[in-house]
Protein backbone atom coordinates (compact mmCIF):
# COMPACT_ATOMS: atom_id res chain seq x y z
CA MET A 1 3.33 15.80 -1.59
CA PHE A 2 4.10 12.63 0.46
CA ASP A 3 6.01 13.76 3.39
CA LEU A 4 5.76 11.58 6.11
CA GLN A 5 8.84 12.45 8.19
CA GLY A 6 8.02 13.12 11.88
CA LEU A 7 4.54 11.95 11.75
CA SER A 8 2.96 8.98 14.21
CA THR A 9 2.58 5.84 12.95
CA GLU A 10 -1.28 6.17 12.72
CA ALA A 11 -0.96 9.37 10.73
CA LYS A 12 1.49 7.72 8.19
CA ILE A 13 -0.67 4.58 7.63
CA GLY A 14 -4.06 6.78 7.61
CA LYS A 15 -2.34 9.04 5.13
CA ILE A 16 -1.18 5.97 2.89
CA LEU A 17 -4.57 4.01 3.11
CA ILE A 18 -6.35 7.28 2.12
CA LEU A 19 -4.13 7.44 -0.96
CA VAL A 20 -4.53 3.98 -1.88
CA SER A 21 -8.30 4.08 -1.46
CA LEU A 22 -8.18 6.93 -3.80
CA VAL A 23 -6.32 5.17 -6.39
CA LEU A 24 -8.70 2.08 -6.53
CA GLY A 25 -11.71 4.67 -6.58
CA VAL A 26 -10.25 5.94 -9.84
CA LEU A 27 -9.99 2.48 -11.20
CA GLY A 28 -13.43 1.83 -10.10
CA LEU A 29 -14.75 4.77 -11.65
CA LEU A 30 -12.77 3.76 -14.98
CA GLY A 31 -14.76 0.34 -14.85
CA ILE A 32 -18.30 2.12 -14.45
CA VAL A 33 -17.42 4.51 -17.23
CA LEU A 34 -16.05 1.41 -19.70
CA GLY A 35 -19.21 -0.56 -18.33
CA PHE A 36 -21.58 2.36 -19.59
CA GLY A 37 -19.41 2.75 -22.74
CA TYR A 38 -19.76 -0.84 -23.85
CA ARG A 39 -23.40 -0.53 -23.09
CA ALA A 40 -24.03 2.31 -25.40
CA LEU A 41 -21.50 1.07 -28.05
CA PHE A 42 -23.39 -2.64 -28.21
CA PRO A 43 -26.78 -2.35 -27.11
CA MET A 44 -27.89 -5.07 -28.93
CA SER A 45 -25.10 -7.47 -27.49
CA PHE A 46 -25.47 -9.87 -24.41
CA MET A 47 -26.94 -7.04 -22.70
CA ARG A 48 -29.85 -6.69 -24.82
CA GLY A 49 -32.12 -7.73 -22.05
CA ILE A 50 -31.20 -4.92 -19.73
CA PRO A 51 -33.53 -2.24 -19.66
CA LEU A 52 -32.44 1.46 -20.24
CA PHE A 53 -32.83 1.93 -16.17
CA ALA A 54 -29.39 0.19 -16.06
CA GLY A 55 -27.76 3.16 -18.18
CA PHE A 56 -29.31 5.53 -15.59
CA LEU A 57 -27.97 3.65 -12.75
CA LEU A 58 -24.42 3.56 -14.09
CA ILE A 59 -24.65 6.97 -14.50
CA PHE A 60 -25.86 7.66 -11.01
CA SER A 61 -23.38 5.61 -9.65
CA ALA A 62 -20.67 7.29 -11.64
CA VAL A 63 -21.77 10.56 -9.93
CA ILE A 64 -21.84 9.28 -6.57
CA LYS A 65 -18.34 7.76 -7.00
CA ILE A 66 -16.88 11.14 -8.35
CA LEU A 67 -18.50 13.09 -5.34
CA GLY A 68 -16.72 10.28 -2.99
CA LEU A 69 -13.46 10.92 -4.92
CA ILE A 70 -13.77 14.58 -4.41
CA VAL A 71 -14.22 14.70 -0.71
CA GLY A 72 -11.30 11.79 -0.69
CA TYR A 73 -9.04 14.32 -2.38
CA MET A 74 -10.04 16.80 0.19
CA ALA A 75 -9.24 14.48 2.96
CA LEU A 76 -6.07 13.69 1.49
CA ALA A 77 -5.19 17.81 1.05
CA SER A 78 -5.78 17.94 4.37
CA THR A 79 -3.33 15.54 5.37
CA GLU A 80 -0.87 17.69 3.52
CA LEU A 81 -1.91 20.76 5.51
CA LYS A 82 -1.41 18.94 8.90
CA ASN A 83 -5.03 18.95 9.60
CA TYR A 84 -5.51 15.36 10.38
CA ASN A 85 -8.51 15.91 12.43
CA ARG A 86 -10.42 17.33 9.19
CA ALA A 87 -8.86 14.60 7.11
CA GLY A 88 -10.31 12.09 9.27
CA ILE A 89 -13.70 13.35 9.14
CA LEU A 90 -13.51 13.71 5.38
CA ALA A 91 -12.18 10.34 4.68
CA ILE A 92 -15.10 9.05 6.84
CA ILE A 93 -17.91 10.71 4.99
CA SER A 94 -15.98 9.77 1.56
CA SER A 95 -15.96 5.97 2.66
CA LEU A 96 -19.81 6.17 3.37
CA LEU A 97 -20.75 7.34 0.07
CA PRO A 98 -21.85 4.35 -2.01
CA PRO A 99 -20.21 1.99 -2.68
CA LEU A 100 -18.75 1.47 0.85
CA ASP A 101 -15.16 1.95 0.85
CA LEU A 102 -13.40 -0.04 3.94
CA ILE A 103 -10.15 1.18 3.06
CA MET A 104 -10.92 4.78 3.28
CA LEU A 105 -12.89 4.30 6.40
CA ILE A 106 -9.71 2.70 8.02
CA GLY A 107 -7.47 5.18 6.83
CA GLY A 108 -10.06 8.29 8.21
CA ILE A 109 -10.21 6.48 11.55
CA LEU A 110 -6.33 6.35 11.76
CA CYS A 111 -6.06 9.88 11.04
CA ILE A 112 -8.68 10.87 13.86
CA ILE A 113 -6.82 8.55 16.47
CA SER A 114 -3.49 9.86 15.72
CA LYS A 115 -1.80 12.32 17.95
CA GLU A 116 -1.51 14.83 15.12
CA ALA A 117 -5.23 15.21 15.18
CA LYS A 118 -5.32 16.55 18.84
């Protein structure tokens, strides 16, 4: 899965940054889900003053984050298929979905400017 032999430096770094961003995205999604779970389990605790809208906001942000992770995984799969131009474009799209992911953005730019993308 992580074959880096014979790739340019930009492609190697871009692929690694996309993978790191996906791992951090999964951890962020886990934080969102745990925050929603805590709100659901303890509605009368310190979060008592937060309206029901906050629960919908957490669900909406989790759905957007899942979409970003799916597109990011498609970018990583494109690097496995040696299609670095498509991987860069997908990584940039994934990075622009809220919340902004600068690691994925840099990885996508590096994939696009690598010599394998041409």
